[in-house]
Amino acid sequence: MIEIKDFLLRFGDILLSEEIKKEAVRNVISKTIRMPIKKEDIKIKNGTIYLNIKPIYKNEIFLKRDKIFSLLKEALGRKSPQDIR
């Protein structure tokens, strides 16, 4: 029989990996546009990055989109997000 703690450890690993992804995305975008972004402003769902930031910063991110995705691919490998919104 599986103990509850073993079951919950699986979810802890999933949450930890999502936090690592958020931190990697935040670092890459912050370095690329040279503006700090809060971790709370980033949401990753189904391979898409959702940003809750000012439109002027989003425009700069969209202009440097290729560079951001190449850096994310280096940092996260094949688990990197595929789209930004």
PDB file of N, CA and C in Angstrom:
ATOM      1  N   MET A   1       0.848  -1.187   0.000  1.00  0.00           N
ATOM      2  CA  MET A   1       0.000   0.000   0.000  1.00  0.00           C
ATOM      3  C   MET A   1       0.889   1.245   0.000  1.00  0.00           C
ATOM      4  N   ILE A   2       0.509   2.234  -0.782  1.00  0.00           N
ATOM      5  CA  ILE A   2       1.284   3.466  -0.901  1.00  0.00           C
ATOM      6  C   ILE A   2       0.903   4.405   0.244  1.00  0.00           C
ATOM      7  N   GLU A   3       1.909   4.924   0.891  1.00  0.00           N
ATOM      8  CA  GLU A   3       1.655   5.884   1.956  1.00  0.00           C
ATOM      9  C   GLU A   3       1.378   7.254   1.358  1.00  0.00           C
ATOM     10  N   ILE A   4       0.662   8.065   2.108  1.00  0.00           N
ATOM     11  CA  ILE A   4       0.273   9.394   1.630  1.00  0.00           C
ATOM     12  C   ILE A   4       1.498  10.262   1.397  1.00  0.00           C
ATOM     13  N   LYS A   5       2.488  10.167   2.247  1.00  0.00           N
ATOM     14  CA  LYS A   5       3.681  11.007   2.086  1.00  0.00           C
ATOM     15  C   LYS A   5       4.389  10.715   0.771  1.00  0.00           C
ATOM     16  N   ASP A   6       4.423   9.446   0.350  1.00  0.00           N
ATOM     17  CA  ASP A   6       5.041   9.088  -0.924  1.00  0.00           C
ATOM     18  C   ASP A   6       4.236   9.661  -2.092  1.00  0.00           C
ATOM     19  N   PHE A   7       2.932   9.631  -1.953  1.00  0.00           N
ATOM     20  CA  PHE A   7       2.060  10.177  -2.983  1.00  0.00           C
ATOM     21  C   PHE A   7       2.239  11.690  -3.111  1.00  0.00           C
ATOM     22  N   LEU A   8       2.331  12.373  -1.980  1.00  0.00           N
ATOM     23  CA  LEU A   8       2.485  13.828  -2.001  1.00  0.00           C
ATOM     24  C   LEU A   8       3.868  14.261  -2.477  1.00  0.00           C
ATOM     25  N   LEU A   9       4.879  13.425  -2.312  1.00  0.00           N
ATOM     26  CA  LEU A   9       6.215  13.744  -2.813  1.00  0.00           C
ATOM     27  C   LEU A   9       6.224  13.882  -4.335  1.00  0.00           C
ATOM     28  N   ARG A  10       5.390  13.107  -4.993  1.00  0.00           N
ATOM     29  CA  ARG A  10       5.299  13.216  -6.452  1.00  0.00           C
ATOM     30  C   ARG A  10       4.832  14.612  -6.861  1.00  0.00           C
ATOM     31  N   PHE A  11       3.839  15.131  -6.155  1.00  0.00           N
ATOM     32  CA  PHE A  11       3.334  16.469  -6.463  1.00  0.00           C
ATOM     33  C   PHE A  11       4.335  17.542  -6.083  1.00  0.00           C
ATOM     34  N   GLY A  12       5.102  17.306  -5.049  1.00  0.00           N
ATOM     35  CA  GLY A  12       6.144  18.252  -4.658  1.00  0.00           C
ATOM     36  C   GLY A  12       7.196  18.408  -5.744  1.00  0.00           C
ATOM     37  N   ASP A  13       7.555  17.297  -6.377  1.00  0.00           N
ATOM     38  CA  ASP A  13       8.515  17.343  -7.481  1.00  0.00           C
ATOM     39  C   ASP A  13       7.952  18.118  -8.669  1.00  0.00           C
ATOM     40  N   ILE A  14       6.670  17.937  -8.951  1.00  0.00           N
ATOM     41  CA  ILE A  14       6.037  18.658 -10.052  1.00  0.00           C
ATOM     42  C   ILE A  14       6.027  20.149  -9.771  1.00  0.00           C
ATOM     43  N   LEU A  15       5.656  20.530  -8.556  1.00  0.00           N
ATOM     44  CA  LEU A  15       5.629  21.949  -8.209  1.00  0.00           C
ATOM     45  C   LEU A  15       7.026  22.548  -8.232  1.00  0.00           C
ATOM     46  N   LEU A  16       7.994  21.804  -7.786  1.00  0.00           N
ATOM     47  CA  LEU A  16       9.369  22.281  -7.781  1.00  0.00           C
ATOM     48  C   LEU A  16       9.865  22.521  -9.203  1.00  0.00           C
ATOM     49  N   SER A  17       9.529  21.619 -10.100  1.00  0.00           N
ATOM     50  CA  SER A  17       9.969  21.791 -11.482  1.00  0.00           C
ATOM     51  C   SER A  17       9.303  23.011 -12.114  1.00  0.00           C
ATOM     52  N   GLU A  18       8.063  23.307 -11.759  1.00  0.00           N
ATOM     53  CA  GLU A  18       7.391  24.502 -12.275  1.00  0.00           C
ATOM     54  C   GLU A  18       8.053  25.767 -11.738  1.00  0.00           C
ATOM     55  N   GLU A  19       8.471  25.753 -10.499  1.00  0.00           N
ATOM     56  CA  GLU A  19       9.165  26.914  -9.932  1.00  0.00           C
ATOM     57  C   GLU A  19      10.522  27.117 -10.602  1.00  0.00           C
ATOM     58  N   ILE A  20      11.191  26.024 -10.913  1.00  0.00           N
ATOM     59  CA  ILE A  20      12.478  26.120 -11.605  1.00  0.00           C
ATOM     60  C   ILE A  20      12.280  26.704 -12.993  1.00  0.00           C
ATOM     61  N   LYS A  21      11.220  26.272 -13.686  1.00  0.00           N
ATOM     62  CA  LYS A  21      10.915  26.815 -15.012  1.00  0.00           C
ATOM     63  C   LYS A  21      10.630  28.315 -14.932  1.00  0.00           C
ATOM     64  N   LYS A  22       9.814  28.709 -13.952  1.00  0.00           N
ATOM     65  CA  LYS A  22       9.483  30.133 -13.788  1.00  0.00           C
ATOM     66  C   LYS A  22      10.734  30.961 -13.536  1.00  0.00           C
ATOM     67  N   GLU A  23      11.604  30.450 -12.704  1.00  0.00           N
ATOM     68  CA  GLU A  23      12.836  31.176 -12.377  1.00  0.00           C
ATOM     69  C   GLU A  23      13.738  31.289 -13.610  1.00  0.00           C
ATOM     70  N   ALA A  24      13.837  30.217 -14.388  1.00  0.00           N
ATOM     71  CA  ALA A  24      14.649  30.255 -15.604  1.00  0.00           C
ATOM     72  C   ALA A  24      14.068  31.242 -16.610  1.00  0.00           C
ATOM     73  N   VAL A  25      12.753  31.240 -16.773  1.00  0.00           N
ATOM     74  CA  VAL A  25      12.091  32.180 -17.687  1.00  0.00           C
ATOM     75  C   VAL A  25      12.316  33.604 -17.221  1.00  0.00           C
ATOM     76  N   ARG A  26      12.173  33.841 -15.932  1.00  0.00           N
ATOM     77  CA  ARG A  26      12.361  35.188 -15.374  1.00  0.00           C
ATOM     78  C   ARG A  26      13.793  35.666 -15.619  1.00  0.00           C
ATOM     79  N   ASN A  27      14.762  34.805 -15.376  1.00  0.00           N
ATOM     80  CA  ASN A  27      16.166  35.182 -15.579  1.00  0.00           C
ATOM     81  C   ASN A  27      16.460  35.508 -17.037  1.00  0.00           C
ATOM     82  N   VAL A  28      15.994  34.667 -17.939  1.00  0.00           N
ATOM     83  CA  VAL A  28      16.276  34.871 -19.356  1.00  0.00           C
ATOM     84  C   VAL A  28      15.625  36.155 -19.862  1.00  0.00           C
ATOM     85  N   ILE A  29      14.363  36.368 -19.528  1.00  0.00           N
ATOM     86  CA  ILE A  29      13.662  37.565 -20.006  1.00  0.00           C
ATOM     87  C   ILE A  29      14.254  38.818 -19.373  1.00  0.00           C
ATOM     88  N   SER A  30      14.562  38.776 -18.095  1.00  0.00           N
ATOM     89  CA  SER A  30      15.142  39.943 -17.424  1.00  0.00           C
ATOM     90  C   SER A  30      16.491  40.318 -18.026  1.00  0.00           C
ATOM     91  N   LYS A  31      17.308  39.331 -18.329  1.00  0.00           N
ATOM     92  CA  LYS A  31      18.613  39.619 -18.938  1.00  0.00           C
ATOM     93  C   LYS A  31      18.457  40.140 -20.361  1.00  0.00           C
ATOM     94  N   THR A  32      17.487  39.638 -21.089  1.00  0.00           N
ATOM     95  CA  THR A  32      17.314  40.020 -22.485  1.00  0.00           C
ATOM     96  C   THR A  32      16.788  41.447 -22.629  1.00  0.00           C
ATOM     97  N   ILE A  33      15.786  41.807 -21.813  1.00  0.00           N
ATOM     98  CA  ILE A  33      15.217  43.160 -21.950  1.00  0.00           C
ATOM     99  C   ILE A  33      15.806  44.143 -20.951  1.00  0.00           C
ATOM    100  N   ARG A  34      16.661  43.652 -20.077  1.00  0.00           N
ATOM    101  CA  ARG A  34      17.338  44.474 -19.064  1.00  0.00           C
ATOM    102  C   ARG A  34      16.363  45.196 -18.139  1.00  0.00           C
ATOM    103  N   MET A  35      15.277  44.517 -17.784  1.00  0.00           N
ATOM    104  CA  MET A  35      14.300  45.033 -16.823  1.00  0.00           C
ATOM    105  C   MET A  35      13.917  43.892 -15.888  1.00  0.00           C
ATOM    106  N   PRO A  36      13.816  44.166 -14.602  1.00  0.00           N
ATOM    107  CA  PRO A  36      13.433  43.085 -13.684  1.00  0.00           C
ATOM    108  C   PRO A  36      11.962  42.717 -13.842  1.00  0.00           C
ATOM    109  N   ILE A  37      11.701  41.434 -13.749  1.00  0.00           N
ATOM    110  CA  ILE A  37      10.329  40.921 -13.802  1.00  0.00           C
ATOM    111  C   ILE A  37      10.102  40.096 -12.551  1.00  0.00           C
ATOM    112  N   LYS A  38       8.954  40.294 -11.924  1.00  0.00           N
ATOM    113  CA  LYS A  38       8.627  39.531 -10.720  1.00  0.00           C
ATOM    114  C   LYS A  38       8.180  38.125 -11.107  1.00  0.00           C
ATOM    115  N   LYS A  39       8.474  37.182 -10.239  1.00  0.00           N
ATOM    116  CA  LYS A  39       8.080  35.796 -10.478  1.00  0.00           C
ATOM    117  C   LYS A  39       6.556  35.646 -10.479  1.00  0.00           C
ATOM    118  N   GLU A  40       5.870  36.530  -9.740  1.00  0.00           N
ATOM    119  CA  GLU A  40       4.412  36.474  -9.667  1.00  0.00           C
ATOM    120  C   GLU A  40       3.766  36.893 -10.988  1.00  0.00           C
ATOM    121  N   ASP A  41       4.500  37.612 -11.842  1.00  0.00           N
ATOM    122  CA  ASP A  41       3.960  38.095 -13.115  1.00  0.00           C
ATOM    123  C   ASP A  41       4.089  37.063 -14.230  1.00  0.00           C
ATOM    124  N   ILE A  42       4.636  35.901 -13.921  1.00  0.00           N
ATOM    125  CA  ILE A  42       4.849  34.857 -14.925  1.00  0.00           C
ATOM    126  C   ILE A  42       3.983  33.653 -14.592  1.00  0.00           C
ATOM    127  N   LYS A  43       3.279  33.163 -15.614  1.00  0.00           N
ATOM    128  CA  LYS A  43       2.485  31.953 -15.464  1.00  0.00           C
ATOM    129  C   LYS A  43       2.795  31.062 -16.656  1.00  0.00           C
ATOM    130  N   ILE A  44       3.066  29.791 -16.414  1.00  0.00           N
ATOM    131  CA  ILE A  44       3.359  28.844 -17.484  1.00  0.00           C
ATOM    132  C   ILE A  44       2.271  27.780 -17.483  1.00  0.00           C
ATOM    133  N   LYS A  45       1.614  27.657 -18.626  1.00  0.00           N
ATOM    134  CA  LYS A  45       0.537  26.676 -18.727  1.00  0.00           C
ATOM    135  C   LYS A  45       0.563  26.060 -20.121  1.00  0.00           C
ATOM    136  N   ASN A  46       0.619  24.757 -20.190  1.00  0.00           N
ATOM    137  CA  ASN A  46       0.611  24.000 -21.443  1.00  0.00           C
ATOM    138  C   ASN A  46       1.677  24.473 -22.430  1.00  0.00           C
ATOM    139  N   GLY A  47       2.866  24.737 -21.952  1.00  0.00           N
ATOM    140  CA  GLY A  47       3.965  25.136 -22.813  1.00  0.00           C
ATOM    141  C   GLY A  47       3.904  26.568 -23.311  1.00  0.00           C
ATOM    142  N   THR A  48       3.052  27.383 -22.698  1.00  0.00           N
ATOM    143  CA  THR A  48       2.918  28.787 -23.075  1.00  0.00           C
ATOM    144  C   THR A  48       3.214  29.660 -21.866  1.00  0.00           C
ATOM    145  N   ILE A  49       3.994  30.704 -22.079  1.00  0.00           N
ATOM    146  CA  ILE A  49       4.319  31.656 -21.022  1.00  0.00           C
ATOM    147  C   ILE A  49       3.324  32.804 -21.100  1.00  0.00           C
ATOM    148  N   TYR A  50       2.644  33.070 -19.990  1.00  0.00           N
ATOM    149  CA  TYR A  50       1.733  34.203 -19.892  1.00  0.00           C
ATOM    150  C   TYR A  50       2.379  35.246 -18.993  1.00  0.00           C
ATOM    151  N   LEU A  51       2.474  36.471 -19.493  1.00  0.00           N
ATOM    152  CA  LEU A  51       3.108  37.545 -18.741  1.00  0.00           C
ATOM    153  C   LEU A  51       2.076  38.597 -18.356  1.00  0.00           C
ATOM    154  N   ASN A  52       2.135  39.009 -17.115  1.00  0.00           N
ATOM    155  CA  ASN A  52       1.252  40.054 -16.612  1.00  0.00           C
ATOM    156  C   ASN A  52       2.103  41.300 -16.365  1.00  0.00           C
ATOM    157  N   ILE A  53       2.544  41.917 -17.466  1.00  0.00           N
ATOM    158  CA  ILE A  53       3.410  43.091 -17.385  1.00  0.00           C
ATOM    159  C   ILE A  53       2.882  44.173 -18.326  1.00  0.00           C
ATOM    160  N   LYS A  54       3.500  45.340 -18.271  1.00  0.00           N
ATOM    161  CA  LYS A  54       3.080  46.457 -19.101  1.00  0.00           C
ATOM    162  C   LYS A  54       3.291  46.129 -20.588  1.00  0.00           C
ATOM    163  N   PRO A  55       2.404  46.647 -21.438  1.00  0.00           N
ATOM    164  CA  PRO A  55       2.512  46.349 -22.876  1.00  0.00           C
ATOM    165  C   PRO A  55       3.828  46.785 -23.517  1.00  0.00           C
ATOM    166  N   ILE A  56       4.418  47.849 -23.049  1.00  0.00           N
ATOM    167  CA  ILE A  56       5.687  48.295 -23.633  1.00  0.00           C
ATOM    168  C   ILE A  56       6.788  47.253 -23.424  1.00  0.00           C
ATOM    169  N   TYR A  57       6.779  46.579 -22.277  1.00  0.00           N
ATOM    170  CA  TYR A  57       7.757  45.523 -22.024  1.00  0.00           C
ATOM    171  C   TYR A  57       7.438  44.279 -22.859  1.00  0.00           C
ATOM    172  N   LYS A  58       6.144  43.986 -23.021  1.00  0.00           N
ATOM    173  CA  LYS A  58       5.757  42.849 -23.849  1.00  0.00           C
ATOM    174  C   LYS A  58       6.206  43.049 -25.292  1.00  0.00           C
ATOM    175  N   ASN A  59       6.077  44.274 -25.792  1.00  0.00           N
ATOM    176  CA  ASN A  59       6.516  44.549 -27.164  1.00  0.00           C
ATOM    177  C   ASN A  59       8.000  44.263 -27.336  1.00  0.00           C
ATOM    178  N   GLU A  60       8.786  44.671 -26.378  1.00  0.00           N
ATOM    179  CA  GLU A  60      10.231  44.416 -26.455  1.00  0.00           C
ATOM    180  C   GLU A  60      10.521  42.916 -26.389  1.00  0.00           C
ATOM    181  N   ILE A  61       9.754  42.215 -25.575  1.00  0.00           N
ATOM    182  CA  ILE A  61       9.915  40.761 -25.478  1.00  0.00           C
ATOM    183  C   ILE A  61       9.575  40.107 -26.813  1.00  0.00           C
ATOM    184  N   PHE A  62       8.489  40.548 -27.450  1.00  0.00           N
ATOM    185  CA  PHE A  62       8.118  39.977 -28.743  1.00  0.00           C
ATOM    186  C   PHE A  62       9.151  40.288 -29.821  1.00  0.00           C
ATOM    187  N   LEU A  63       9.802  41.442 -29.741  1.00  0.00           N
ATOM    188  CA  LEU A  63      10.842  41.774 -30.704  1.00  0.00           C
ATOM    189  C   LEU A  63      12.076  40.879 -30.536  1.00  0.00           C
ATOM    190  N   LYS A  64      12.351  40.483 -29.315  1.00  0.00           N
ATOM    191  CA  LYS A  64      13.527  39.642 -29.022  1.00  0.00           C
ATOM    192  C   LYS A  64      13.133  38.192 -28.759  1.00  0.00           C
ATOM    193  N   ARG A  65      12.009  37.801 -29.297  1.00  0.00           N
ATOM    194  CA  ARG A  65      11.423  36.489 -29.058  1.00  0.00           C
ATOM    195  C   ARG A  65      12.373  35.341 -29.430  1.00  0.00           C
ATOM    196  N   ASP A  66      13.018  35.408 -30.583  1.00  0.00           N
ATOM    197  CA  ASP A  66      13.902  34.322 -31.029  1.00  0.00           C
ATOM    198  C   ASP A  66      15.076  34.127 -30.076  1.00  0.00           C
ATOM    199  N   LYS A  67      15.658  35.225 -29.631  1.00  0.00           N
ATOM    200  CA  LYS A  67      16.783  35.143 -28.700  1.00  0.00           C
ATOM    201  C   LYS A  67      16.338  34.530 -27.368  1.00  0.00           C
ATOM    202  N   ILE A  68      15.152  34.940 -26.894  1.00  0.00           N
ATOM    203  CA  ILE A  68      14.622  34.416 -25.626  1.00  0.00           C
ATOM    204  C   ILE A  68      14.402  32.911 -25.726  1.00  0.00           C
ATOM    205  N   PHE A  69      13.787  32.452 -26.818  1.00  0.00           N
ATOM    206  CA  PHE A  69      13.523  31.019 -26.952  1.00  0.00           C
ATOM    207  C   PHE A  69      14.804  30.201 -27.111  1.00  0.00           C
ATOM    208  N   SER A  70      15.805  30.757 -27.767  1.00  0.00           N
ATOM    209  CA  SER A  70      17.060  30.015 -27.878  1.00  0.00           C
ATOM    210  C   SER A  70      17.746  29.899 -26.512  1.00  0.00           C
ATOM    211  N   LEU A  71      17.705  30.965 -25.713  1.00  0.00           N
ATOM    212  CA  LEU A  71      18.288  30.905 -24.370  1.00  0.00           C
ATOM    213  C   LEU A  71      17.491  29.965 -23.457  1.00  0.00           C
ATOM    214  N   LEU A  72      16.168  29.953 -23.597  1.00  0.00           N
ATOM    215  CA  LEU A  72      15.352  29.035 -22.808  1.00  0.00           C
ATOM    216  C   LEU A  72      15.626  27.591 -23.197  1.00  0.00           C
ATOM    217  N   LYS A  73      15.821  27.340 -24.466  1.00  0.00           N
ATOM    218  CA  LYS A  73      16.113  25.976 -24.916  1.00  0.00           C
ATOM    219  C   LYS A  73      17.448  25.499 -24.337  1.00  0.00           C
ATOM    220  N   GLU A  74      18.426  26.406 -24.233  1.00  0.00           N
ATOM    221  CA  GLU A  74      19.704  26.056 -23.614  1.00  0.00           C
ATOM    222  C   GLU A  74      19.536  25.772 -22.123  1.00  0.00           C
ATOM    223  N   ALA A  75      18.708  26.587 -21.453  1.00  0.00           N
ATOM    224  CA  ALA A  75      18.554  26.463 -20.010  1.00  0.00           C
ATOM    225  C   ALA A  75      17.684  25.275 -19.605  1.00  0.00           C
ATOM    226  N   LEU A  76      16.584  25.043 -20.332  1.00  0.00           N
ATOM    227  CA  LEU A  76      15.616  24.033 -19.914  1.00  0.00           C
ATOM    228  C   LEU A  76      15.586  22.789 -20.799  1.00  0.00           C
ATOM    229  N   GLY A  77      16.264  22.825 -21.914  1.00  0.00           N
ATOM    230  CA  GLY A  77      16.245  21.673 -22.810  1.00  0.00           C
ATOM    231  C   GLY A  77      14.926  21.561 -23.541  1.00  0.00           C
ATOM    232  N   ARG A  78      14.468  20.347 -23.745  1.00  0.00           N
ATOM    233  CA  ARG A  78      13.251  20.154 -24.524  1.00  0.00           C
ATOM    234  C   ARG A  78      11.974  20.455 -23.740  1.00  0.00           C
ATOM    235  N   LYS A  79      12.084  20.696 -22.449  1.00  0.00           N
ATOM    236  CA  LYS A  79      10.925  21.056 -21.648  1.00  0.00           C
ATOM    237  C   LYS A  79      10.657  22.557 -21.628  1.00  0.00           C
ATOM    238  N   SER A  80      11.347  23.284 -22.493  1.00  0.00           N
ATOM    239  CA  SER A  80      11.190  24.734 -22.506  1.00  0.00           C
ATOM    240  C   SER A  80       9.851  25.110 -23.139  1.00  0.00           C
ATOM    241  N   PRO A  81       9.236  26.205 -22.679  1.00  0.00           N
ATOM    242  CA  PRO A  81       7.976  26.684 -23.247  1.00  0.00           C
ATOM    243  C   PRO A  81       8.151  27.038 -24.722  1.00  0.00           C
ATOM    244  N   GLN A  82       7.057  26.949 -25.490  1.00  0.00           N
ATOM    245  CA  GLN A  82       7.110  27.151 -26.933  1.00  0.00           C
ATOM    246  C   GLN A  82       6.471  28.451 -27.406  1.00  0.00           C
ATOM    247  N   ASP A  83       5.765  29.176 -26.514  1.00  0.00           N
ATOM    248  CA  ASP A  83       5.054  30.374 -26.933  1.00  0.00           C
ATOM    249  C   ASP A  83       5.020  31.374 -25.783  1.00  0.00           C
ATOM    250  N   ILE A  84       4.892  32.655 -26.137  1.00  0.00           N
ATOM    251  CA  ILE A  84       4.761  33.728 -25.146  1.00  0.00           C
ATOM    252  C   ILE A  84       3.507  34.513 -25.473  1.00  0.00           C
ATOM    253  N   ARG A  85       2.736  34.822 -24.449  1.00  0.00           N
ATOM    254  CA  ARG A  85       1.545  35.657 -24.620  1.00  0.00           C
ATOM    255  C   ARG A  85       1.491  36.689 -23.532  1.00  0.00           C
TER     256      ARG A  85
END
